[in-house]
C-alpha atoms as a PDB file:
ATOM      1  CA  UNK A   1     165.816 139.708 149.355  1.00  0.00           C
ATOM      2  CA  UNK A   2     169.541 139.375 147.781  1.00  0.00           C
ATOM      3  CA  UNK A   3     168.252 135.790 145.789  1.00  0.00           C
ATOM      4  CA  UNK A   4     165.381 139.173 144.081  1.00  0.00           C
ATOM      5  CA  UNK A   5     168.117 140.936 143.522  1.00  0.00           C
ATOM      6  CA  UNK A   6     170.122 138.700 141.840  1.00  0.00           C
ATOM      7  CA  UNK A   7     167.290 137.176 140.122  1.00  0.00           C
ATOM      8  CA  UNK A   8     166.467 141.219 138.776  1.00  0.00           C
ATOM      9  CA  UNK A   9     170.162 141.307 137.430  1.00  0.00           C
ATOM     10  CA  UNK A  10     170.210 138.567 135.046  1.00  0.00           C
ATOM     11  CA  UNK A  11     166.370 138.971 134.022  1.00  0.00           C
ATOM     12  CA  UNK A  12     167.714 142.507 133.114  1.00  0.00           C
ATOM     13  CA  UNK A  13     170.938 140.709 131.330  1.00  0.00           C
ATOM     14  CA  UNK A  14     169.240 138.294 129.045  1.00  0.00           C
ATOM     15  CA  UNK A  15     166.284 140.642 127.963  1.00  0.00           C
ATOM     16  CA  UNK A  16     168.434 143.646 127.656  1.00  0.00           C
ATOM     17  CA  UNK A  17     171.479 141.971 125.837  1.00  0.00           C
ATOM     18  CA  UNK A  18     170.945 144.389 122.363  1.00  0.00           C
ATOM     19  CA  UNK A  19     171.149 147.635 124.969  1.00  0.00           C
ATOM     20  CA  UNK A  20     173.979 149.881 123.046  1.00  0.00           C
ATOM     21  CA  UNK A  21     177.066 151.719 125.488  1.00  0.00           C
ATOM     22  CA  UNK A  22     176.163 154.657 124.079  1.00  0.00           C
ATOM     23  CA  UNK A  23     176.874 157.489 126.070  1.00  0.00           C
ATOM     24  CA  UNK A  24     174.950 160.578 126.519  1.00  0.00           C
ATOM     25  CA  UNK A  25     177.301 163.455 125.323  1.00  0.00           C
ATOM     26  CA  UNK A  26     175.786 165.464 127.893  1.00  0.00           C
ATOM     27  CA  UNK A  27     177.331 163.358 130.802  1.00  0.00           C
ATOM     28  CA  UNK A  28     180.957 163.917 129.153  1.00  0.00           C
ATOM     29  CA  UNK A  29     180.232 167.467 129.489  1.00  0.00           C
ATOM     30  CA  UNK A  30     179.033 167.533 133.127  1.00  0.00           C
ATOM     31  CA  UNK A  31     182.377 164.792 133.569  1.00  0.00           C
ATOM     32  CA  UNK A  32     184.506 167.143 132.479  1.00  0.00           C
ATOM     33  CA  UNK A  33     183.102 170.275 133.956  1.00  0.00           C
ATOM     34  CA  UNK A  34     183.354 167.836 137.447  1.00  0.00           C
ATOM     35  CA  UNK A  35     187.525 167.782 136.617  1.00  0.00           C
ATOM     36  CA  UNK A  36     188.272 171.116 135.179  1.00  0.00           C
ATOM     37  CA  UNK A  37     185.226 173.524 136.612  1.00  0.00           C
ATOM     38  CA  UNK A  38     186.143 175.611 139.963  1.00  0.00           C
ATOM     39  CA  UNK A  39     183.658 175.198 142.374  1.00  0.00           C
ATOM     40  CA  UNK A  40     181.381 178.531 142.678  1.00  0.00           C
ATOM     41  CA  UNK A  41     180.178 178.045 138.810  1.00  0.00           C
ATOM     42  CA  UNK A  42     180.287 173.374 139.359  1.00  0.00           C
ATOM     43  CA  UNK A  43     177.791 174.793 142.498  1.00  0.00           C
ATOM     44  CA  UNK A  44     175.727 176.537 139.652  1.00  0.00           C
ATOM     45  CA  UNK A  45     175.666 174.016 137.980  1.00  0.00           C
ATOM     46  CA  UNK A  46     174.577 171.446 140.014  1.00  0.00           C
ATOM     47  CA  UNK A  47     171.367 173.968 141.288  1.00  0.00           C
ATOM     48  CA  UNK A  48     169.767 173.095 138.255  1.00  0.00           C
ATOM     49  CA  UNK A  49     169.681 169.948 139.469  1.00  0.00           C
ATOM     50  CA  UNK A  50     167.611 171.200 142.820  1.00  0.00           C
ATOM     51  CA  UNK A  51     169.079 168.162 144.918  1.00  0.00           C
ATOM     52  CA  UNK A  52     169.057 167.620 148.400  1.00  0.00           C
ATOM     53  CA  UNK A  53     171.896 170.047 150.604  1.00  0.00           C
ATOM     54  CA  UNK A  54     173.648 166.541 152.070  1.00  0.00           C
ATOM     55  CA  UNK A  55     173.691 165.820 148.287  1.00  0.00           C
ATOM     56  CA  UNK A  56     175.080 168.680 146.710  1.00  0.00           C
ATOM     57  CA  UNK A  57     177.384 168.655 150.086  1.00  0.00           C
ATOM     58  CA  UNK A  58     178.471 164.787 149.445  1.00  0.00           C
ATOM     59  CA  UNK A  59     179.037 165.580 145.632  1.00  0.00           C
ATOM     60  CA  UNK A  60     181.503 169.248 146.612  1.00  0.00           C
ATOM     61  CA  UNK A  61     183.931 167.241 149.403  1.00  0.00           C
ATOM     62  CA  UNK A  62     184.771 164.638 146.039  1.00  0.00           C
ATOM     63  CA  UNK A  63     184.879 167.414 143.961  1.00  0.00           C
ATOM     64  CA  UNK A  64     187.694 168.594 146.864  1.00  0.00           C
ATOM     65  CA  UNK A  65     189.353 165.105 146.548  1.00  0.00           C
ATOM     66  CA  UNK A  66     189.538 164.981 142.338  1.00  0.00           C
ATOM     67  CA  UNK A  67     190.873 168.621 142.491  1.00  0.00           C
ATOM     68  CA  UNK A  68     193.881 168.130 144.399  1.00  0.00           C
ATOM     69  CA  UNK A  69     194.880 165.439 141.016  1.00  0.00           C
ATOM     70  CA  UNK A  70     197.490 166.985 138.974  1.00  0.00           C
ATOM     71  CA  UNK A  71     196.075 168.503 135.739  1.00  0.00           C
ATOM     72  CA  UNK A  72     198.075 166.443 134.184  1.00  0.00           C
ATOM     73  CA  UNK A  73     196.247 163.296 135.529  1.00  0.00           C
ATOM     74  CA  UNK A  74     193.446 164.974 134.926  1.00  0.00           C
ATOM     75  CA  UNK A  75     193.999 165.511 131.325  1.00  0.00           C
ATOM     76  CA  UNK A  76     194.825 161.821 130.372  1.00  0.00           C
ATOM     77  CA  UNK A  77     191.082 160.814 132.727  1.00  0.00           C
ATOM     78  CA  UNK A  78     189.568 163.355 129.706  1.00  0.00           C
ATOM     79  CA  UNK A  79     191.635 161.283 126.772  1.00  0.00           C
ATOM     80  CA  UNK A  80     190.503 157.903 128.195  1.00  0.00           C
ATOM     81  CA  UNK A  81     186.703 159.194 128.466  1.00  0.00           C
ATOM     82  CA  UNK A  82     186.958 160.010 125.016  1.00  0.00           C
ATOM     83  CA  UNK A  83     188.037 157.168 123.928  1.00  0.00           C
ATOM     84  CA  UNK A  84     185.498 155.025 125.321  1.00  0.00           C
ATOM     85  CA  UNK A  85     183.140 157.373 123.854  1.00  0.00           C
ATOM     86  CA  UNK A  86     184.588 156.873 120.601  1.00  0.00           C
ATOM     87  CA  UNK A  87     184.779 153.064 121.047  1.00  0.00           C
ATOM     88  CA  UNK A  88     180.698 153.232 122.140  1.00  0.00           C
ATOM     89  CA  UNK A  89     179.746 155.444 119.430  1.00  0.00           C
ATOM     90  CA  UNK A  90     181.057 152.632 117.121  1.00  0.00           C
END
Protein backbone atom coordinates (compact mmCIF):
# COMPACT_ATOMS: atom_id res chain seq x y z
CA UNK A 1 0.00 0.00 0.00
CA UNK A 2 2.77 2.43 0.90
CA UNK A 3 4.61 1.78 -2.32
CA UNK A 4 1.50 2.51 -4.39
CA UNK A 5 1.02 5.87 -2.65
CA UNK A 6 4.65 6.80 -3.27
CA UNK A 7 4.37 5.70 -6.89
CA UNK A 8 1.21 7.78 -7.31
CA UNK A 9 2.92 10.87 -5.89
CA UNK A 10 5.96 10.44 -8.14
CA UNK A 11 3.72 9.92 -11.17
CA UNK A 12 1.73 13.04 -10.37
CA UNK A 13 4.93 15.03 -9.92
CA UNK A 14 6.29 13.89 -13.27
CA UNK A 15 3.06 14.22 -15.22
CA UNK A 16 1.75 17.43 -13.71
CA UNK A 17 4.93 19.48 -13.43
CA UNK A 18 3.35 22.29 -15.44
CA UNK A 19 0.57 22.83 -12.95
CA UNK A 20 0.49 26.34 -11.55
CA UNK A 21 -0.05 27.42 -7.98
CA UNK A 22 -2.68 30.06 -8.63
CA UNK A 23 -5.02 30.12 -5.68
CA UNK A 24 -8.68 30.81 -6.16
CA UNK A 25 -9.71 34.18 -4.66
CA UNK A 26 -12.67 32.46 -3.01
CA UNK A 27 -10.23 30.34 -1.01
CA UNK A 28 -8.55 33.45 0.39
CA UNK A 29 -11.98 34.81 1.24
CA UNK A 30 -12.78 31.64 3.17
CA UNK A 31 -9.45 31.74 4.99
CA UNK A 32 -9.98 35.39 5.94
CA UNK A 33 -13.46 34.54 7.13
CA UNK A 34 -12.02 31.81 9.30
CA UNK A 35 -9.73 34.36 10.93
CA UNK A 36 -11.94 37.42 11.23
CA UNK A 37 -15.62 36.39 11.28
CA UNK A 38 -17.30 35.58 14.57
CA UNK A 39 -18.54 32.05 15.24
CA UNK A 40 -22.30 32.46 14.55
CA UNK A 41 -21.64 34.06 11.15
CA UNK A 42 -18.99 31.47 10.37
CA UNK A 43 -21.51 28.68 11.11
CA UNK A 44 -23.81 30.21 8.50
CA UNK A 45 -20.96 30.24 5.96
CA UNK A 46 -20.23 26.59 6.73
CA UNK A 47 -23.88 25.64 6.21
CA UNK A 48 -23.55 26.19 2.45
CA UNK A 49 -21.17 23.19 2.25
CA UNK A 50 -23.69 20.79 3.84
CA UNK A 51 -20.87 19.12 5.78
CA UNK A 52 -21.50 16.41 8.36
CA UNK A 53 -22.07 17.74 11.90
CA UNK A 54 -18.84 16.12 13.11
CA UNK A 55 -16.82 18.01 10.52
CA UNK A 56 -18.51 21.30 11.38
CA UNK A 57 -17.85 20.69 15.09
CA UNK A 58 -14.18 19.97 14.34
CA UNK A 59 -13.77 23.16 12.30
CA UNK A 60 -15.46 25.22 14.99
CA UNK A 61 -13.17 23.69 17.62
CA UNK A 62 -10.13 24.72 15.58
CA UNK A 63 -11.67 28.18 15.13
CA UNK A 64 -12.01 28.54 18.90
CA UNK A 65 -8.27 27.92 19.20
CA UNK A 66 -7.32 30.32 16.42
CA UNK A 67 -9.65 32.99 17.81
CA UNK A 68 -7.31 33.19 20.79
CA UNK A 69 -4.53 34.51 18.54
CA UNK A 70 -4.13 38.28 19.01
CA UNK A 71 -5.49 40.52 16.25
CA UNK A 72 -1.99 41.80 15.38
CA UNK A 73 -0.88 38.23 14.62
CA UNK A 74 -4.00 37.60 12.51
CA UNK A 75 -3.14 40.69 10.48
CA UNK A 76 0.42 39.44 9.96
CA UNK A 77 -0.91 36.09 8.77
CA UNK A 78 -3.23 37.93 6.38
CA UNK A 79 -0.27 39.88 4.94
CA UNK A 80 1.65 36.65 4.37
CA UNK A 81 -1.34 35.16 2.56
CA UNK A 82 -1.57 38.25 0.35
CA UNK A 83 2.12 37.98 -0.53
CA UNK A 84 1.69 34.32 -1.41
CA UNK A 85 -1.25 35.23 -3.65
CA UNK A 86 0.82 37.92 -5.38
CA UNK A 87 3.64 35.45 -6.07
CA UNK A 88 1.22 32.87 -7.41
CA UNK A 89 -0.39 35.38 -9.74
CA UNK A 90 2.87 36.19 -11.38
